[in-house]
Amino acid sequence: MEALQVLVKGMKMESLTAALLTSAACGLGALVVIVRTVSEHRAAKDKIQRARNRRTESLQRAEQEVLRYRQLSQCGEHQKL
């Protein structure tokens, strides 16, 4: 009978240890998933911001070229007169 109690107590301890290890592994896995998700989200935001900056720069260059073209075409019209 005493051997049975020792065995049951040992099994309880082993199952508690297994439950703790399983919980720790699950928690660690969840933490890894969260960190990866946040990192990927940040990388996507950075990529979007770089694209917006490139678009803004491109539009500014195009606007400058239009203004330069208008100035050159106006100078050409004055020279024809």
PDB file of N, CA and C in Angstrom:
ATOM      1  N   MET A   1       0.817  -1.193   0.000  1.00  0.00           N
ATOM      2  CA  MET A   1       0.000   0.000   0.000  1.00  0.00           C
ATOM      3  C   MET A   1       0.862   1.259   0.000  1.00  0.00           C
ATOM      4  N   GLU A   2       1.908   1.197   0.810  1.00  0.00           N
ATOM      5  CA  GLU A   2       2.798   2.346   0.890  1.00  0.00           C
ATOM      6  C   GLU A   2       3.509   2.569  -0.454  1.00  0.00           C
ATOM      7  N   ALA A   3       3.863   1.506  -1.107  1.00  0.00           N
ATOM      8  CA  ALA A   3       4.519   1.601  -2.410  1.00  0.00           C
ATOM      9  C   ALA A   3       3.575   2.242  -3.424  1.00  0.00           C
ATOM     10  N   LEU A   4       2.302   1.929  -3.333  1.00  0.00           N
ATOM     11  CA  LEU A   4       1.301   2.512  -4.219  1.00  0.00           C
ATOM     12  C   LEU A   4       1.176   4.021  -3.975  1.00  0.00           C
ATOM     13  N   GLN A   5       1.213   4.426  -2.720  1.00  0.00           N
ATOM     14  CA  GLN A   5       1.133   5.855  -2.399  1.00  0.00           C
ATOM     15  C   GLN A   5       2.362   6.599  -2.927  1.00  0.00           C
ATOM     16  N   VAL A   6       3.520   6.001  -2.792  1.00  0.00           N
ATOM     17  CA  VAL A   6       4.754   6.608  -3.317  1.00  0.00           C
ATOM     18  C   VAL A   6       4.674   6.716  -4.833  1.00  0.00           C
ATOM     19  N   LEU A   7       4.162   5.676  -5.469  1.00  0.00           N
ATOM     20  CA  LEU A   7       4.028   5.679  -6.931  1.00  0.00           C
ATOM     21  C   LEU A   7       3.056   6.756  -7.389  1.00  0.00           C
ATOM     22  N   VAL A   8       1.917   6.869  -6.699  1.00  0.00           N
ATOM     23  CA  VAL A   8       0.917   7.876  -7.059  1.00  0.00           C
ATOM     24  C   VAL A   8       1.477   9.277  -6.833  1.00  0.00           C
ATOM     25  N   LYS A   9       2.184   9.461  -5.720  1.00  0.00           N
ATOM     26  CA  LYS A   9       2.784  10.766  -5.432  1.00  0.00           C
ATOM     27  C   LYS A   9       3.821  11.116  -6.500  1.00  0.00           C
ATOM     28  N   GLY A  10       4.609  10.130  -6.891  1.00  0.00           N
ATOM     29  CA  GLY A  10       5.609  10.350  -7.943  1.00  0.00           C
ATOM     30  C   GLY A  10       4.949  10.674  -9.267  1.00  0.00           C
ATOM     31  N   MET A  11       3.859  10.021  -9.587  1.00  0.00           N
ATOM     32  CA  MET A  11       3.148  10.286 -10.837  1.00  0.00           C
ATOM     33  C   MET A  11       2.547  11.685 -10.826  1.00  0.00           C
ATOM     34  N   LYS A  12       2.026  12.083  -9.649  1.00  0.00           N
ATOM     35  CA  LYS A  12       1.467  13.436  -9.550  1.00  0.00           C
ATOM     36  C   LYS A  12       2.558  14.464  -9.794  1.00  0.00           C
ATOM     37  N   MET A  13       3.728  14.212  -9.210  1.00  0.00           N
ATOM     38  CA  MET A  13       4.833  15.145  -9.377  1.00  0.00           C
ATOM     39  C   MET A  13       5.282  15.166 -10.839  1.00  0.00           C
ATOM     40  N   GLU A  14       5.357  13.999 -11.464  1.00  0.00           N
ATOM     41  CA  GLU A  14       5.769  13.948 -12.865  1.00  0.00           C
ATOM     42  C   GLU A  14       4.744  14.622 -13.766  1.00  0.00           C
ATOM     43  N   SER A  15       3.459  14.420 -13.496  1.00  0.00           N
ATOM     44  CA  SER A  15       2.452  15.057 -14.333  1.00  0.00           C
ATOM     45  C   SER A  15       2.436  16.562 -14.095  1.00  0.00           C
ATOM     46  N   LEU A  16       2.724  17.002 -12.863  1.00  0.00           N
ATOM     47  CA  LEU A  16       2.814  18.438 -12.593  1.00  0.00           C
ATOM     48  C   LEU A  16       4.010  19.033 -13.332  1.00  0.00           C
ATOM     49  N   THR A  17       5.118  18.328 -13.300  1.00  0.00           N
ATOM     50  CA  THR A  17       6.308  18.783 -14.020  1.00  0.00           C
ATOM     51  C   THR A  17       6.027  18.834 -15.517  1.00  0.00           C
ATOM     52  N   ALA A  18       5.368  17.828 -16.030  1.00  0.00           N
ATOM     53  CA  ALA A  18       5.038  17.804 -17.455  1.00  0.00           C
ATOM     54  C   ALA A  18       4.099  18.958 -17.805  1.00  0.00           C
ATOM     55  N   ALA A  19       3.141  19.230 -16.922  1.00  0.00           N
ATOM     56  CA  ALA A  19       2.213  20.334 -17.171  1.00  0.00           C
ATOM     57  C   ALA A  19       2.952  21.665 -17.153  1.00  0.00           C
ATOM     58  N   LEU A  20       3.874  21.829 -16.202  1.00  0.00           N
ATOM     59  CA  LEU A  20       4.650  23.073 -16.143  1.00  0.00           C
ATOM     60  C   LEU A  20       5.529  23.245 -17.379  1.00  0.00           C
ATOM     61  N   LEU A  21       6.184  22.166 -17.795  1.00  0.00           N
ATOM     62  CA  LEU A  21       7.030  22.241 -18.987  1.00  0.00           C
ATOM     63  C   LEU A  21       6.206  22.528 -20.239  1.00  0.00           C
ATOM     64  N   THR A  22       5.052  21.892 -20.327  1.00  0.00           N
ATOM     65  CA  THR A  22       4.175  22.135 -21.475  1.00  0.00           C
ATOM     66  C   THR A  22       3.690  23.575 -21.479  1.00  0.00           C
ATOM     67  N   SER A  23       3.314  24.087 -20.323  1.00  0.00           N
ATOM     68  CA  SER A  23       2.856  25.472 -20.223  1.00  0.00           C
ATOM     69  C   SER A  23       3.970  26.446 -20.586  1.00  0.00           C
ATOM     70  N   ALA A  24       5.174  26.163 -20.108  1.00  0.00           N
ATOM     71  CA  ALA A  24       6.317  27.021 -20.423  1.00  0.00           C
ATOM     72  C   ALA A  24       6.604  27.008 -21.919  1.00  0.00           C
ATOM     73  N   ALA A  25       6.560  25.841 -22.537  1.00  0.00           N
ATOM     74  CA  ALA A  25       6.807  25.741 -23.979  1.00  0.00           C
ATOM     75  C   ALA A  25       5.727  26.478 -24.762  1.00  0.00           C
ATOM     76  N   CYS A  26       4.493  26.334 -24.341  1.00  0.00           N
ATOM     77  CA  CYS A  26       3.389  27.014 -25.017  1.00  0.00           C
ATOM     78  C   CYS A  26       3.534  28.532 -24.879  1.00  0.00           C
ATOM     79  N   GLY A  27       3.861  28.987 -23.674  1.00  0.00           N
ATOM     80  CA  GLY A  27       4.057  30.421 -23.445  1.00  0.00           C
ATOM     81  C   GLY A  27       5.199  30.972 -24.268  1.00  0.00           C
ATOM     82  N   LEU A  28       6.292  30.221 -24.335  1.00  0.00           N
ATOM     83  CA  LEU A  28       7.437  30.646 -25.135  1.00  0.00           C
ATOM     84  C   LEU A  28       7.078  30.702 -26.617  1.00  0.00           C
ATOM     85  N   GLY A  29       6.337  29.720 -27.081  1.00  0.00           N
ATOM     86  CA  GLY A  29       5.899  29.724 -28.477  1.00  0.00           C
ATOM     87  C   GLY A  29       5.016  30.920 -28.783  1.00  0.00           C
ATOM     88  N   ALA A  30       4.107  31.231 -27.870  1.00  0.00           N
ATOM     89  CA  ALA A  30       3.228  32.389 -28.063  1.00  0.00           C
ATOM     90  C   ALA A  30       4.045  33.676 -28.087  1.00  0.00           C
ATOM     91  N   LEU A  31       5.038  33.778 -27.220  1.00  0.00           N
ATOM     92  CA  LEU A  31       5.895  34.964 -27.187  1.00  0.00           C
ATOM     93  C   LEU A  31       6.663  35.117 -28.497  1.00  0.00           C
ATOM     94  N   VAL A  32       7.175  34.023 -29.021  1.00  0.00           N
ATOM     95  CA  VAL A  32       7.906  34.068 -30.298  1.00  0.00           C
ATOM     96  C   VAL A  32       6.984  34.533 -31.419  1.00  0.00           C
ATOM     97  N   VAL A  33       5.761  34.028 -31.445  1.00  0.00           N
ATOM     98  CA  VAL A  33       4.805  34.429 -32.485  1.00  0.00           C
ATOM     99  C   VAL A  33       4.489  35.919 -32.371  1.00  0.00           C
ATOM    100  N   ILE A  34       4.297  36.405 -31.170  1.00  0.00           N
ATOM    101  CA  ILE A  34       3.988  37.828 -30.970  1.00  0.00           C
ATOM    102  C   ILE A  34       5.153  38.697 -31.411  1.00  0.00           C
ATOM    103  N   VAL A  35       6.362  38.322 -31.023  1.00  0.00           N
ATOM    104  CA  VAL A  35       7.547  39.109 -31.403  1.00  0.00           C
ATOM    105  C   VAL A  35       7.708  39.137 -32.921  1.00  0.00           C
ATOM    106  N   ARG A  36       7.518  37.993 -33.576  1.00  0.00           N
ATOM    107  CA  ARG A  36       7.639  37.954 -35.040  1.00  0.00           C
ATOM    108  C   ARG A  36       6.567  38.808 -35.706  1.00  0.00           C
ATOM    109  N   THR A  37       5.349  38.758 -35.179  1.00  0.00           N
ATOM    110  CA  THR A  37       4.256  39.540 -35.754  1.00  0.00           C
ATOM    111  C   THR A  37       4.538  41.029 -35.641  1.00  0.00           C
ATOM    112  N   VAL A  38       4.990  41.457 -34.462  1.00  0.00           N
ATOM    113  CA  VAL A  38       5.304  42.875 -34.253  1.00  0.00           C
ATOM    114  C   VAL A  38       6.449  43.297 -35.162  1.00  0.00           C
ATOM    115  N   SER A  39       7.456  42.456 -35.274  1.00  0.00           N
ATOM    116  CA  SER A  39       8.604  42.770 -36.122  1.00  0.00           C
ATOM    117  C   SER A  39       8.197  42.890 -37.590  1.00  0.00           C
ATOM    118  N   GLU A  40       7.375  41.957 -38.060  1.00  0.00           N
ATOM    119  CA  GLU A  40       6.916  42.011 -39.450  1.00  0.00           C
ATOM    120  C   GLU A  40       6.032  43.229 -39.690  1.00  0.00           C
ATOM    121  N   HIS A  41       5.223  43.585 -38.697  1.00  0.00           N
ATOM    122  CA  HIS A  41       4.357  44.760 -38.827  1.00  0.00           C
ATOM    123  C   HIS A  41       5.213  46.022 -38.927  1.00  0.00           C
ATOM    124  N   ARG A  42       6.244  46.097 -38.098  1.00  0.00           N
ATOM    125  CA  ARG A  42       7.135  47.257 -38.124  1.00  0.00           C
ATOM    126  C   ARG A  42       7.864  47.343 -39.463  1.00  0.00           C
ATOM    127  N   ALA A  43       8.312  46.206 -39.971  1.00  0.00           N
ATOM    128  CA  ALA A  43       9.002  46.189 -41.263  1.00  0.00           C
ATOM    129  C   ALA A  43       8.059  46.635 -42.379  1.00  0.00           C
ATOM    130  N   ALA A  44       6.811  46.212 -42.325  1.00  0.00           N
ATOM    131  CA  ALA A  44       5.835  46.623 -43.338  1.00  0.00           C
ATOM    132  C   ALA A  44       5.586  48.129 -43.255  1.00  0.00           C
ATOM    133  N   LYS A  45       5.479  48.651 -42.032  1.00  0.00           N
ATOM    134  CA  LYS A  45       5.273  50.097 -41.881  1.00  0.00           C
ATOM    135  C   LYS A  45       6.458  50.880 -42.437  1.00  0.00           C
ATOM    136  N   ASP A  46       7.675  50.403 -42.179  1.00  0.00           N
ATOM    137  CA  ASP A  46       8.869  51.064 -42.706  1.00  0.00           C
ATOM    138  C   ASP A  46       8.877  51.038 -44.233  1.00  0.00           C
ATOM    139  N   LYS A  47       8.504  49.913 -44.800  1.00  0.00           N
ATOM    140  CA  LYS A  47       8.479  49.777 -46.263  1.00  0.00           C
ATOM    141  C   LYS A  47       7.451  50.735 -46.869  1.00  0.00           C
ATOM    142  N   ILE A  48       6.293  50.842 -46.245  1.00  0.00           N
ATOM    143  CA  ILE A  48       5.250  51.765 -46.727  1.00  0.00           C
ATOM    144  C   ILE A  48       5.740  53.198 -46.633  1.00  0.00           C
ATOM    145  N   GLN A  49       6.408  53.548 -45.530  1.00  0.00           N
ATOM    146  CA  GLN A  49       6.905  54.915 -45.362  1.00  0.00           C
ATOM    147  C   GLN A  49       7.961  55.253 -46.407  1.00  0.00           C
ATOM    148  N   ARG A  50       8.855  54.298 -46.707  1.00  0.00           N
ATOM    149  CA  ARG A  50       9.859  54.545 -47.751  1.00  0.00           C
ATOM    150  C   ARG A  50       9.191  54.755 -49.103  1.00  0.00           C
ATOM    151  N   ALA A  51       8.159  53.990 -49.397  1.00  0.00           N
ATOM    152  CA  ALA A  51       7.440  54.141 -50.664  1.00  0.00           C
ATOM    153  C   ALA A  51       6.765  55.513 -50.731  1.00  0.00           C
ATOM    154  N   ARG A  52       6.183  55.946 -49.624  1.00  0.00           N
ATOM    155  CA  ARG A  52       5.558  57.278 -49.599  1.00  0.00           C
ATOM    156  C   ARG A  52       6.590  58.374 -49.812  1.00  0.00           C
ATOM    157  N   ASN A  53       7.758  58.218 -49.185  1.00  0.00           N
ATOM    158  CA  ASN A  53       8.808  59.217 -49.361  1.00  0.00           C
ATOM    159  C   ASN A  53       9.275  59.270 -50.814  1.00  0.00           C
ATOM    160  N   ARG A  54       9.447  58.095 -51.428  1.00  0.00           N
ATOM    161  CA  ARG A  54       9.860  58.068 -52.841  1.00  0.00           C
ATOM    162  C   ARG A  54       8.806  58.713 -53.731  1.00  0.00           C
ATOM    163  N   ARG A  55       7.529  58.443 -53.442  1.00  0.00           N
ATOM    164  CA  ARG A  55       6.449  59.038 -54.234  1.00  0.00           C
ATOM    165  C   ARG A  55       6.455  60.552 -54.102  1.00  0.00           C
ATOM    166  N   THR A  56       6.620  61.055 -52.870  1.00  0.00           N
ATOM    167  CA  THR A  56       6.642  62.500 -52.645  1.00  0.00           C
ATOM    168  C   THR A  56       7.809  63.146 -53.382  1.00  0.00           C
ATOM    169  N   GLU A  57       8.990  62.526 -53.294  1.00  0.00           N
ATOM    170  CA  GLU A  57      10.163  63.061 -53.995  1.00  0.00           C
ATOM    171  C   GLU A  57       9.945  63.063 -55.504  1.00  0.00           C
ATOM    172  N   SER A  58       9.364  62.010 -56.013  1.00  0.00           N
ATOM    173  CA  SER A  58       9.111  61.911 -57.443  1.00  0.00           C
ATOM    174  C   SER A  58       8.125  62.989 -57.901  1.00  0.00           C
ATOM    175  N   LEU A  59       7.075  63.205 -57.128  1.00  0.00           N
ATOM    176  CA  LEU A  59       6.103  64.243 -57.478  1.00  0.00           C
ATOM    177  C   LEU A  59       6.736  65.632 -57.427  1.00  0.00           C
ATOM    178  N   GLN A  60       7.619  65.846 -56.453  1.00  0.00           N
ATOM    179  CA  GLN A  60       8.295  67.148 -56.368  1.00  0.00           C
ATOM    180  C   GLN A  60       9.208  67.369 -57.562  1.00  0.00           C
ATOM    181  N   ARG A  61       9.936  66.324 -57.961  1.00  0.00           N
ATOM    182  CA  ARG A  61      10.801  66.455 -59.143  1.00  0.00           C
ATOM    183  C   ARG A  61       9.980  66.734 -60.394  1.00  0.00           C
ATOM    184  N   ALA A  62       8.853  66.042 -60.525  1.00  0.00           N
ATOM    185  CA  ALA A  62       7.998  66.258 -61.696  1.00  0.00           C
ATOM    186  C   ALA A  62       7.456  67.678 -61.704  1.00  0.00           C
ATOM    187  N   GLU A  63       7.051  68.178 -60.556  1.00  0.00           N
ATOM    188  CA  GLU A  63       6.535  69.551 -60.473  1.00  0.00           C
ATOM    189  C   GLU A  63       7.621  70.558 -60.834  1.00  0.00           C
ATOM    190  N   GLN A  64       8.841  70.328 -60.383  1.00  0.00           N
ATOM    191  CA  GLN A  64       9.948  71.217 -60.726  1.00  0.00           C
ATOM    192  C   GLN A  64      10.224  71.199 -62.224  1.00  0.00           C
ATOM    193  N   GLU A  65      10.141  70.047 -62.830  1.00  0.00           N
ATOM    194  CA  GLU A  65      10.362  69.943 -64.276  1.00  0.00           C
ATOM    195  C   GLU A  65       9.263  70.673 -65.054  1.00  0.00           C
ATOM    196  N   VAL A  66       8.028  70.572 -64.588  1.00  0.00           N
ATOM    197  CA  VAL A  66       6.931  71.278 -65.249  1.00  0.00           C
ATOM    198  C   VAL A  66       7.154  72.783 -65.160  1.00  0.00           C
ATOM    199  N   LEU A  67       7.526  73.255 -63.983  1.00  0.00           N
ATOM    200  CA  LEU A  67       7.789  74.688 -63.826  1.00  0.00           C
ATOM    201  C   LEU A  67       8.954  75.127 -64.720  1.00  0.00           C
ATOM    202  N   ARG A  68       9.993  74.319 -64.792  1.00  0.00           N
ATOM    203  CA  ARG A  68      11.141  74.662 -65.635  1.00  0.00           C
ATOM    204  C   ARG A  68      10.734  74.694 -67.112  1.00  0.00           C
ATOM    205  N   TYR A  69       9.907  73.732 -67.519  1.00  0.00           N
ATOM    206  CA  TYR A  69       9.430  73.691 -68.897  1.00  0.00           C
ATOM    207  C   TYR A  69       8.599  74.939 -69.213  1.00  0.00           C
ATOM    208  N   ARG A  70       7.729  75.313 -68.296  1.00  0.00           N
ATOM    209  CA  ARG A  70       6.897  76.505 -68.513  1.00  0.00           C
ATOM    210  C   ARG A  70       7.754  77.763 -68.636  1.00  0.00           C
ATOM    211  N   GLN A  71       8.779  77.850 -67.790  1.00  0.00           N
ATOM    212  CA  GLN A  71       9.653  79.021 -67.862  1.00  0.00           C
ATOM    213  C   GLN A  71      10.411  79.053 -69.180  1.00  0.00           C
ATOM    214  N   LEU A  72      10.887  77.906 -69.611  1.00  0.00           N
ATOM    215  CA  LEU A  72      11.623  77.849 -70.871  1.00  0.00           C
ATOM    216  C   LEU A  72      10.709  78.150 -72.058  1.00  0.00           C
ATOM    217  N   SER A  73       9.481  77.652 -72.015  1.00  0.00           N
ATOM    218  CA  SER A  73       8.571  77.896 -73.128  1.00  0.00           C
ATOM    219  C   SER A  73       8.132  79.357 -73.156  1.00  0.00           C
ATOM    220  N   GLN A  74       8.015  79.997 -71.999  1.00  0.00           N
ATOM    221  CA  GLN A  74       7.666  81.418 -71.975  1.00  0.00           C
ATOM    222  C   GLN A  74       8.810  82.255 -72.514  1.00  0.00           C
ATOM    223  N   CYS A  75      10.034  81.903 -72.189  1.00  0.00           N
ATOM    224  CA  CYS A  75      11.198  82.622 -72.717  1.00  0.00           C
ATOM    225  C   CYS A  75      11.261  82.457 -74.226  1.00  0.00           C
ATOM    226  N   GLY A  76      10.949  81.316 -74.734  1.00  0.00           N
ATOM    227  CA  GLY A  76      10.956  81.056 -76.166  1.00  0.00           C
ATOM    228  C   GLY A  76       9.900  81.879 -76.878  1.00  0.00           C
ATOM    229  N   GLU A  77       8.727  82.078 -76.272  1.00  0.00           N
ATOM    230  CA  GLU A  77       7.673  82.881 -76.877  1.00  0.00           C
ATOM    231  C   GLU A  77       8.076  84.345 -76.949  1.00  0.00           C
ATOM    232  N   HIS A  78       8.754  84.852 -75.940  1.00  0.00           N
ATOM    233  CA  HIS A  78       9.197  86.245 -75.931  1.00  0.00           C
ATOM    234  C   HIS A  78      10.271  86.478 -76.989  1.00  0.00           C
ATOM    235  N   GLN A  79      11.105  85.492 -77.233  1.00  0.00           N
ATOM    236  CA  GLN A  79      12.161  85.644 -78.228  1.00  0.00           C
ATOM    237  C   GLN A  79      11.574  85.631 -79.641  1.00  0.00           C
ATOM    238  N   LYS A  80      10.444  84.950 -79.856  1.00  0.00           N
ATOM    239  CA  LYS A  80       9.812  84.921 -81.179  1.00  0.00           C
ATOM    240  C   LYS A  80       9.242  86.275 -81.526  1.00  0.00           C
ATOM    241  N   LEU A  81       8.768  87.024 -80.530  1.00  0.00           N
ATOM    242  CA  LEU A  81       8.175  88.339 -80.789  1.00  0.00           C
ATOM    243  C   LEU A  81       9.244  89.284 -81.121  1.00  0.00           C
TER     244      LEU A  81
END
